[in-house]
Amino acid sequence: MTRTFTESADVVVVGGGPAGSATATHLARAGARVIMLEKSAYPREKVCGDGLTPRAMAELTRLGIAAADQGWKANRGLRIHVGRAQYTMDWPTLTDVPDVGYTVRRSVFDQVLADHASQAGVQVITGATVTAPVLRRGRVTAVTTKDGRSFEAPVVVAADGNSSRLSVAMGRHRIASRPLGVAVRAYFTSPMSDEVWLDSWLELWDGPVNRSHLLPGYGWSFPLGDGTCNVGLGLPDASRFRDVDFRALMTRWLATMPPQWGFSVDHQVGAVASAALPMGFNRKPVAGSGLLLVGDAAGAVNPFNGEGISYAMESGRFAAEQIIQALARGIHTRAADRVLAGYATRLEQAWGGYFWLGNLFGRVIAHPAIMRLAAHHGLPIPVVRQLTHRLLAHLNDQPGHDGYDRVINALCALAPKA
């Protein structure tokens, strides 16, 4: 019989991905005693595009991680493919974020962040599958694990991904009306591995171009600089693809790629894998009863492009800052509870309008003909192309320094909160 015992801390973080590690690191640096529980052992694979946008780079800088020192692959921006046309767009020069992106496999990236959290003083425990919260007077005060252990803290953070069993156990289910996308990816050995652009296809055909079905979504190829590329598809509404054979879909789409790029079964490394993309704040409330939700658990994925890493780390930073203030005010006091509730307000202020626009965008591109019309007639116009690039990648300064900033800021300000 497994022995039951309890460990205590100021904060228990459930999940050791980018959201959990960022939350834990910021907390530990501020002096909190933190336990981070991860069900797997590092390194472990995650289905992802493996791309770090300038927003993600800004968060890494705040964590004190220099991507250039890690040997990861740098990129300068996007190369968009629409029909036979190609458009290259550099990451913009902004005040709030750098003008460079990187790519790195999640198996590497997540371990770097977890190791960084450990070095900051976080007690990182792997092989700890959380099974249930422990409630006292309606608040979560501890969590139990599959092997019979208990970890208690006055504040618990759910960083356990899209399924977020901890959130569900606390009655916080996914909002069915909010978008849940799906990502499908595989690795290929390819001469494109050393490219300086992230490639993206805005027309997703499931067979020969113009002679098959045009699907809602987009395709990508992200060069990793190690001889391989992460190649995949992003589809905005997972409910429409429950019975889809993603391996077959990938094969049909990849058949439309130039053969010299090497995106064929003969060059595939590993299996095709898929995962859900919880977008646009699709689980609420994100704070309450002693529990805060960060990253995918909160549905903090960009509905425009499926990016989740930067928002995972940002939400972790926001949560950590609110928790530190709550601990200083005396946990379980009204003042502390108000501070913890303020985490939801911070997310809404930061991304509420933008995510609402993204949710609307997802409904629009569910009609591929509309997406194709906009791409073919809008992107050839340089101003439209640049505005679209910065809007979809969420790259704008606040306050704005140019017309693109001001347009994006105005749209986000006028939009309802997601």
Protein backbone atom coordinates (compact mmCIF):
# COMPACT_ATOMS: atom_id res chain seq x y z
CA MET A 1 0.00 0.00 0.00
CA THR A 2 1.31 3.45 -0.95
CA ARG A 3 2.09 5.62 2.04
CA THR A 4 0.15 8.90 2.24
CA PHE A 5 1.97 12.03 3.30
CA THR A 6 1.62 15.75 2.82
CA GLU A 7 4.03 18.40 1.59
CA SER A 8 3.17 22.07 1.91
CA ALA A 9 4.10 25.27 0.12
CA ASP A 10 2.80 28.78 -0.50
CA VAL A 11 1.63 27.75 -3.98
CA VAL A 12 1.17 24.42 -5.74
CA VAL A 13 1.38 24.56 -9.53
CA VAL A 14 -0.16 21.60 -11.36
CA GLY A 15 1.49 21.11 -14.74
CA GLY A 16 5.06 21.66 -15.86
CA GLY A 17 4.68 23.12 -19.35
CA PRO A 18 5.48 26.73 -20.31
CA ALA A 19 2.52 28.08 -18.28
CA GLY A 20 3.40 26.15 -15.15
CA SER A 21 7.14 26.77 -15.31
CA ALA A 22 6.69 30.50 -15.95
CA THR A 23 4.21 30.83 -13.08
CA ALA A 24 6.46 28.90 -10.71
CA THR A 25 9.62 30.77 -11.68
CA HIS A 26 8.11 34.22 -11.19
CA LEU A 27 6.64 33.14 -7.85
CA ALA A 28 9.91 31.68 -6.58
CA ARG A 29 11.85 34.76 -7.60
CA ALA A 30 9.47 36.84 -5.52
CA GLY A 31 10.18 34.69 -2.48
CA ALA A 32 7.28 32.22 -2.52
CA ARG A 33 7.73 28.54 -1.70
CA VAL A 34 6.50 26.70 -4.78
CA ILE A 35 5.89 23.06 -5.65
CA MET A 36 5.37 22.27 -9.34
CA LEU A 37 3.83 18.89 -10.16
CA GLU A 38 4.35 17.36 -13.61
CA LYS A 39 2.79 14.00 -14.50
CA SER A 40 5.50 13.03 -17.02
CA ALA A 41 9.28 12.88 -16.91
CA TYR A 42 11.34 15.35 -18.93
CA PRO A 43 11.99 15.39 -21.80
CA ARG A 44 8.48 14.66 -23.11
CA GLU A 45 6.84 15.38 -26.44
CA LYS A 46 4.00 17.84 -26.99
CA VAL A 47 2.06 18.43 -30.18
CA CYS A 48 2.98 21.97 -31.17
CA GLY A 49 4.35 23.98 -34.06
CA ASP A 50 7.55 24.51 -32.05
CA GLY A 51 7.53 28.21 -32.94
CA LEU A 52 8.43 31.01 -30.54
CA THR A 53 7.08 34.34 -31.78
CA PRO A 54 8.45 37.73 -30.71
CA ARG A 55 5.81 37.78 -27.94
CA ALA A 56 7.26 34.54 -26.58
CA MET A 57 10.77 35.95 -26.83
CA ALA A 58 9.75 38.92 -24.69
CA GLU A 59 8.51 36.54 -21.99
CA LEU A 60 11.69 34.48 -22.14
CA THR A 61 13.67 37.66 -21.59
CA ARG A 62 11.59 38.42 -18.50
CA LEU A 63 12.38 34.92 -17.24
CA GLY A 64 16.08 35.48 -17.86
CA ILE A 65 16.45 32.90 -20.63
CA ALA A 66 18.52 33.95 -23.66
CA ALA A 67 17.36 31.98 -26.69
CA ALA A 68 20.50 32.87 -28.63
CA ASP A 69 22.60 31.09 -26.00
CA GLN A 70 20.52 27.92 -26.28
CA GLY A 71 21.43 27.15 -29.89
CA TRP A 72 17.83 27.38 -31.07
CA LYS A 73 16.96 28.32 -34.67
CA ALA A 74 16.29 32.03 -35.25
CA ASN A 75 13.85 33.30 -37.88
CA ARG A 76 13.10 36.76 -39.23
CA GLY A 77 9.38 36.51 -39.95
CA LEU A 78 6.69 34.86 -42.05
CA ARG A 79 6.52 33.71 -45.65
CA ILE A 80 2.87 33.50 -46.65
CA HIS A 81 1.73 31.30 -49.55
CA VAL A 82 -1.53 32.12 -51.34
CA GLY A 83 -1.99 30.15 -54.52
CA ARG A 84 1.21 30.65 -56.49
CA ALA A 85 1.98 33.95 -54.77
CA GLN A 86 4.43 34.33 -51.89
CA TYR A 87 4.83 37.25 -49.49
CA THR A 88 7.65 37.62 -46.99
CA MET A 89 7.03 39.75 -43.92
CA ASP A 90 9.67 40.55 -41.32
CA TRP A 91 8.75 40.64 -37.67
CA PRO A 92 8.07 44.33 -37.02
CA THR A 93 10.37 46.55 -35.00
CA LEU A 94 8.46 47.34 -31.82
CA THR A 95 9.14 48.69 -28.35
CA ASP A 96 7.34 45.96 -26.40
CA VAL A 97 8.75 42.87 -28.14
CA PRO A 98 11.92 42.01 -30.12
CA ASP A 99 11.99 41.61 -33.90
CA VAL A 100 13.13 37.99 -33.93
CA GLY A 101 11.52 34.59 -33.44
CA TYR A 102 12.95 31.13 -32.77
CA THR A 103 12.01 27.51 -33.24
CA VAL A 104 12.80 24.68 -30.86
CA ARG A 105 11.21 21.32 -30.17
CA ARG A 106 8.88 21.33 -27.20
CA SER A 107 10.71 18.36 -25.70
CA VAL A 108 13.74 20.65 -25.39
CA PHE A 109 11.93 23.89 -24.62
CA ASP A 110 9.79 22.58 -21.78
CA GLN A 111 12.76 20.97 -20.06
CA VAL A 112 14.77 24.21 -20.29
CA LEU A 113 11.91 26.09 -18.63
CA ALA A 114 11.46 23.44 -15.93
CA ASP A 115 15.19 23.39 -15.19
CA HIS A 116 15.13 27.18 -15.01
CA ALA A 117 12.27 27.01 -12.51
CA SER A 118 14.23 24.52 -10.41
CA GLN A 119 17.26 26.80 -10.42
CA ALA A 120 15.01 29.62 -9.21
CA GLY A 121 14.09 27.54 -6.16
CA VAL A 122 10.95 25.73 -7.33
CA GLN A 123 10.52 22.18 -6.05
CA VAL A 124 9.86 20.36 -9.34
CA ILE A 125 8.30 16.92 -8.89
CA THR A 126 7.85 14.72 -11.96
CA GLY A 127 5.79 11.56 -12.22
CA ALA A 128 3.10 13.23 -10.11
CA THR A 129 -0.33 12.73 -11.68
CA VAL A 130 -2.84 14.92 -9.86
CA THR A 131 -6.13 13.09 -9.37
CA ALA A 132 -8.29 15.44 -7.29
CA PRO A 133 -8.46 18.71 -5.38
CA VAL A 134 -8.97 18.77 -1.62
CA LEU A 135 -11.65 21.26 -0.61
CA ARG A 136 -12.22 23.03 2.66
CA ARG A 137 -15.21 25.35 2.95
CA GLY A 138 -15.48 25.46 -0.82
CA ARG A 139 -11.83 26.36 -1.43
CA VAL A 140 -9.11 24.16 -2.83
CA THR A 141 -6.44 23.76 -0.18
CA ALA A 142 -4.49 20.79 -1.54
CA VAL A 143 -4.27 18.29 -4.37
CA THR A 144 -3.77 14.54 -4.25
CA THR A 145 -1.78 12.43 -6.67
CA LYS A 146 -2.24 8.96 -8.12
CA ASP A 147 0.46 7.52 -5.88
CA GLY A 148 -1.29 8.70 -2.72
CA ARG A 149 0.61 11.87 -1.97
CA SER A 150 -0.95 15.16 -0.95
CA PHE A 151 0.38 18.65 -1.62
CA GLU A 152 -1.20 21.56 0.21
CA ALA A 153 -1.07 25.30 -0.32
CA PRO A 154 -3.42 28.26 0.17
CA VAL A 155 -3.30 28.90 -3.60
CA VAL A 156 -3.28 26.30 -6.38
CA VAL A 157 -2.57 27.00 -10.05
CA ALA A 158 -4.03 24.80 -12.79
CA ALA A 159 -1.47 24.66 -15.60
CA ASP A 160 -2.50 21.18 -16.72
CA GLY A 161 -3.37 21.90 -20.32
CA ASN A 162 -6.48 21.73 -22.45
CA SER A 163 -8.13 18.84 -20.63
CA SER A 164 -7.31 20.42 -17.22
CA ARG A 165 -8.67 17.68 -15.03
CA LEU A 166 -8.13 19.87 -12.00
CA SER A 167 -10.34 22.62 -13.45
CA VAL A 168 -13.03 20.11 -14.39
CA ALA A 169 -12.93 18.64 -10.89
CA MET A 170 -13.57 22.17 -9.61
CA GLY A 171 -16.60 22.50 -11.90
CA ARG A 172 -14.92 24.64 -14.53
CA HIS A 173 -15.82 23.06 -17.83
CA ARG A 174 -15.02 24.18 -21.34
CA ILE A 175 -17.44 26.73 -22.79
CA ALA A 176 -18.90 24.83 -25.73
CA SER A 177 -19.61 27.97 -27.74
CA ARG A 178 -15.96 29.02 -27.70
CA PRO A 179 -13.62 27.73 -30.43
CA LEU A 180 -11.66 24.53 -29.91
CA GLY A 181 -9.24 24.08 -32.75
CA VAL A 182 -7.02 21.16 -33.64
CA ALA A 183 -3.35 21.05 -34.61
CA VAL A 184 -1.83 18.19 -36.61
CA ARG A 185 1.90 17.91 -37.09
CA ALA A 186 4.79 15.68 -38.10
CA TYR A 187 8.55 16.09 -38.51
CA PHE A 188 10.37 15.71 -41.82
CA THR A 189 14.01 15.76 -42.80
CA SER A 190 14.19 18.60 -45.28
CA PRO A 191 16.56 21.02 -47.01
CA MET A 192 14.14 23.72 -45.77
CA SER A 193 15.42 23.22 -42.23
CA ASP A 194 17.82 26.15 -42.45
CA GLU A 195 15.31 28.66 -43.85
CA VAL A 196 15.02 32.03 -42.09
CA TRP A 197 11.25 32.22 -42.62
CA LEU A 198 8.30 30.47 -41.03
CA ASP A 199 6.20 29.24 -43.95
CA SER A 200 2.39 29.44 -43.78
CA TRP A 201 -0.26 28.44 -46.31
CA LEU A 202 -3.58 30.26 -46.13
CA GLU A 203 -5.26 27.84 -48.53
CA LEU A 204 -5.59 24.34 -47.20
CA TRP A 205 -6.51 21.83 -49.91
CA ASP A 206 -7.07 18.17 -49.03
CA GLY A 207 -5.88 17.11 -52.47
CA PRO A 208 -4.88 18.65 -55.82
CA VAL A 209 -5.10 22.45 -55.77
CA ASN A 210 -8.35 23.76 -57.25
CA ARG A 211 -9.54 20.19 -57.82
CA SER A 212 -10.30 19.06 -54.25
CA HIS A 213 -11.88 20.38 -51.06
CA LEU A 214 -10.71 23.71 -49.66
CA LEU A 215 -10.65 23.26 -45.89
CA PRO A 216 -10.98 25.93 -43.18
CA GLY A 217 -7.57 26.45 -41.66
CA TYR A 218 -3.94 26.88 -42.59
CA GLY A 219 -0.76 24.90 -43.07
CA TRP A 220 2.76 25.55 -41.79
CA SER A 221 6.38 24.53 -42.08
CA PHE A 222 8.69 25.71 -39.30
CA PRO A 223 12.43 25.10 -39.84
CA LEU A 224 14.26 23.73 -36.80
CA GLY A 225 17.83 24.10 -38.04
CA ASP A 226 18.68 20.48 -37.16
CA GLY A 227 17.92 19.02 -40.58
CA THR A 228 14.19 18.78 -39.90
CA CYS A 229 11.04 20.87 -40.21
CA ASN A 230 7.90 20.82 -38.11
CA VAL A 231 5.10 20.62 -40.68
CA GLY A 232 1.44 20.74 -39.80
CA LEU A 233 -2.13 21.90 -40.17
CA GLY A 234 -4.25 24.15 -37.99
CA LEU A 235 -8.03 23.69 -38.14
CA PRO A 236 -10.27 26.13 -36.25
CA ASP A 237 -13.17 23.88 -35.21
CA ALA A 238 -12.31 20.45 -33.84
CA SER A 239 -15.99 19.41 -33.65
CA ARG A 240 -16.11 19.32 -37.45
CA PHE A 241 -13.14 16.95 -37.68
CA ARG A 242 -13.94 14.27 -35.09
CA ASP A 243 -14.03 11.51 -37.68
CA VAL A 244 -11.19 12.80 -39.85
CA ASP A 245 -8.17 10.58 -40.49
CA PHE A 246 -5.51 13.21 -39.89
CA ARG A 247 -2.71 11.01 -41.17
CA ALA A 248 -4.52 10.69 -44.51
CA LEU A 249 -5.38 14.38 -44.55
CA MET A 250 -1.74 15.32 -43.97
CA THR A 251 -0.64 12.96 -46.73
CA ARG A 252 -3.06 14.51 -49.23
CA TRP A 253 -2.07 18.06 -48.31
CA LEU A 254 1.66 17.34 -48.35
CA ALA A 255 1.30 15.92 -51.84
CA THR A 256 0.67 19.50 -53.00
CA MET A 257 4.09 20.65 -51.69
CA PRO A 258 7.19 20.91 -53.92
CA PRO A 259 8.78 17.43 -53.93
CA GLN A 260 12.28 18.86 -53.40
CA TRP A 261 11.24 20.08 -49.93
CA GLY A 262 11.09 16.49 -48.72
CA PHE A 263 7.64 16.57 -47.11
CA SER A 264 6.85 12.97 -48.00
CA VAL A 265 6.44 9.74 -46.07
CA ASP A 266 9.96 8.71 -47.07
CA HIS A 267 11.35 11.67 -45.12
CA GLN A 268 8.94 11.60 -42.19
CA VAL A 269 10.44 11.29 -38.73
CA GLY A 270 8.00 9.79 -36.23
CA ALA A 271 4.24 9.64 -36.43
CA VAL A 272 1.61 12.24 -37.30
CA ALA A 273 0.20 13.59 -34.03
CA SER A 274 -2.69 15.89 -33.18
CA ALA A 275 -3.91 17.93 -30.22
CA ALA A 276 -6.73 20.29 -29.33
CA LEU A 277 -6.23 24.08 -29.30
CA PRO A 278 -8.36 25.70 -26.56
CA MET A 279 -8.82 29.21 -27.91
CA GLY A 280 -10.25 32.55 -26.91
CA PHE A 281 -10.78 32.01 -23.13
CA ASN A 282 -12.89 28.88 -23.49
CA ARG A 283 -12.89 28.01 -19.77
CA LYS A 284 -14.10 30.33 -17.03
CA PRO A 285 -13.86 31.55 -14.34
CA VAL A 286 -10.07 31.69 -14.41
CA ALA A 287 -9.88 32.67 -10.73
CA GLY A 288 -11.85 31.73 -7.64
CA SER A 289 -12.05 29.33 -4.70
CA GLY A 290 -8.28 29.38 -4.31
CA LEU A 291 -7.63 28.19 -7.88
CA LEU A 292 -6.15 30.14 -10.81
CA LEU A 293 -6.08 28.84 -14.39
CA VAL A 294 -3.16 29.62 -16.69
CA GLY A 295 -2.21 28.79 -20.27
CA ASP A 296 -4.24 26.17 -22.12
CA ALA A 297 -6.23 25.39 -18.97
CA ALA A 298 -7.70 28.89 -19.29
CA GLY A 299 -8.16 28.63 -23.07
CA ALA A 300 -5.42 31.21 -23.54
CA VAL A 301 -4.60 30.37 -27.16
CA ASN A 302 -4.68 33.03 -29.88
CA PRO A 303 -7.81 32.35 -32.00
CA PHE A 304 -6.20 34.05 -35.00
CA ASN A 305 -3.19 31.76 -35.39
CA GLY A 306 -3.28 29.02 -32.74
CA GLU A 307 -0.27 30.37 -30.85
CA GLY A 308 -0.28 29.33 -27.21
CA ILE A 309 3.27 29.45 -25.83
CA SER A 310 3.56 33.21 -25.37
CA TYR A 311 0.12 33.46 -23.77
CA ALA A 312 0.93 30.53 -21.49
CA MET A 313 4.02 32.33 -20.17
CA GLU A 314 2.30 35.71 -20.01
CA SER A 315 -0.69 34.36 -18.11
CA GLY A 316 1.75 32.65 -15.74
CA ARG A 317 3.46 35.97 -15.08
CA PHE A 318 0.13 37.72 -14.49
CA ALA A 319 -1.00 34.97 -12.11
CA ALA A 320 2.28 35.04 -10.19
CA GLU A 321 2.11 38.79 -9.70
CA GLN A 322 -1.44 38.60 -8.36
CA ILE A 323 -0.60 35.68 -6.07
CA ILE A 324 2.41 37.46 -4.57
CA GLN A 325 0.25 40.47 -3.78
CA ALA A 326 -2.41 38.19 -2.25
CA LEU A 327 0.14 36.43 -0.07
CA ALA A 328 1.38 39.81 1.17
CA ARG A 329 -2.15 40.83 2.16
CA GLY A 330 -2.77 37.70 4.21
CA ILE A 331 -4.20 34.77 2.35
CA HIS A 332 -7.94 34.03 2.75
CA THR A 333 -8.61 37.66 3.70
CA ARG A 334 -11.05 39.72 1.67
CA ALA A 335 -8.18 41.87 0.42
CA ALA A 336 -6.27 38.82 -0.77
CA ASP A 337 -9.34 37.37 -2.48
CA ARG A 338 -9.89 40.65 -4.33
CA VAL A 339 -6.30 40.55 -5.55
CA LEU A 340 -6.65 36.96 -6.77
CA ALA A 341 -9.91 37.84 -8.53
CA GLY A 342 -8.00 40.66 -10.22
CA TYR A 343 -6.15 38.04 -12.26
CA ALA A 344 -9.27 37.59 -14.41
CA THR A 345 -9.44 41.35 -14.90
CA ARG A 346 -5.81 41.44 -16.03
CA LEU A 347 -6.42 38.79 -18.66
CA GLU A 348 -9.51 40.60 -19.94
CA GLN A 349 -7.68 43.92 -20.09
CA ALA A 350 -4.69 42.39 -21.85
CA TRP A 351 -6.41 40.15 -24.39
CA GLY A 352 -10.19 40.33 -24.00
CA GLY A 353 -10.93 42.51 -27.01
CA TYR A 354 -8.25 40.85 -29.13
CA PHE A 355 -9.52 37.35 -28.37
CA TRP A 356 -13.09 38.42 -29.16
CA LEU A 357 -11.90 39.57 -32.58
CA GLY A 358 -10.03 36.29 -32.98
CA ASN A 359 -13.11 34.26 -32.11
CA LEU A 360 -14.99 36.21 -34.79
CA PHE A 361 -12.17 35.56 -37.25
CA GLY A 362 -12.42 31.84 -36.54
CA ARG A 363 -16.08 31.86 -37.49
CA VAL A 364 -15.26 33.71 -40.71
CA ILE A 365 -12.54 31.33 -41.87
CA ALA A 366 -14.88 28.44 -41.19
CA HIS A 367 -16.10 29.47 -44.67
CA PRO A 368 -13.00 28.78 -46.82
CA ALA A 369 -14.36 30.71 -49.82
CA ILE A 370 -14.39 33.92 -47.76
CA MET A 371 -10.84 33.30 -46.57
CA ARG A 372 -9.67 32.63 -50.11
CA LEU A 373 -11.32 35.80 -51.44
CA ALA A 374 -9.74 37.94 -48.72
CA ALA A 375 -6.30 36.36 -49.17
CA HIS A 376 -6.23 36.69 -52.96
CA HIS A 377 -7.51 40.26 -53.08
CA GLY A 378 -6.29 41.72 -49.79
CA LEU A 379 -2.76 40.42 -49.28
CA PRO A 380 -1.38 41.80 -52.59
CA ILE A 381 -1.92 45.28 -51.09
CA PRO A 382 1.18 46.07 -48.94
CA VAL A 383 -0.68 48.07 -46.27
CA VAL A 384 -3.35 45.37 -45.90
CA ARG A 385 -0.68 42.67 -45.83
CA GLN A 386 1.32 44.36 -43.08
CA LEU A 387 -1.78 45.12 -41.00
CA THR A 388 -2.96 41.52 -41.36
CA HIS A 389 0.48 40.20 -40.38
CA ARG A 390 0.64 42.29 -37.23
CA LEU A 391 -2.99 41.69 -36.27
CA LEU A 392 -2.87 37.91 -36.64
CA ALA A 393 0.47 37.68 -34.81
CA HIS A 394 -0.69 40.13 -32.10
CA LEU A 395 2.30 42.40 -32.59
CA ASN A 396 1.50 45.97 -31.61
CA ASP A 397 2.89 48.50 -29.16
CA GLN A 398 0.75 50.07 -26.44
CA PRO A 399 0.50 52.98 -26.70
CA GLY A 400 0.84 52.87 -30.46
CA HIS A 401 3.81 54.26 -32.34
CA ASP A 402 2.48 54.00 -35.89
CA GLY A 403 -0.75 53.62 -37.82
CA TYR A 404 -0.77 49.82 -37.56
CA ASP A 405 -0.51 50.02 -33.78
CA ARG A 406 -3.28 52.56 -33.57
CA VAL A 407 -5.65 50.55 -35.78
CA ILE A 408 -5.08 47.32 -33.83
CA ASN A 409 -5.36 49.07 -30.47
CA ALA A 410 -8.58 50.78 -31.55
CA LEU A 411 -10.11 47.51 -32.78
CA CYS A 412 -9.25 45.77 -29.50
CA ALA A 413 -10.59 48.67 -27.45
CA LEU A 414 -13.91 48.76 -29.35
CA ALA A 415 -14.46 45.00 -29.33
CA PRO A 416 -16.43 43.37 -26.50
CA LYS A 417 -14.40 41.31 -24.06
CA ALA A 418 -14.05 37.62 -24.86
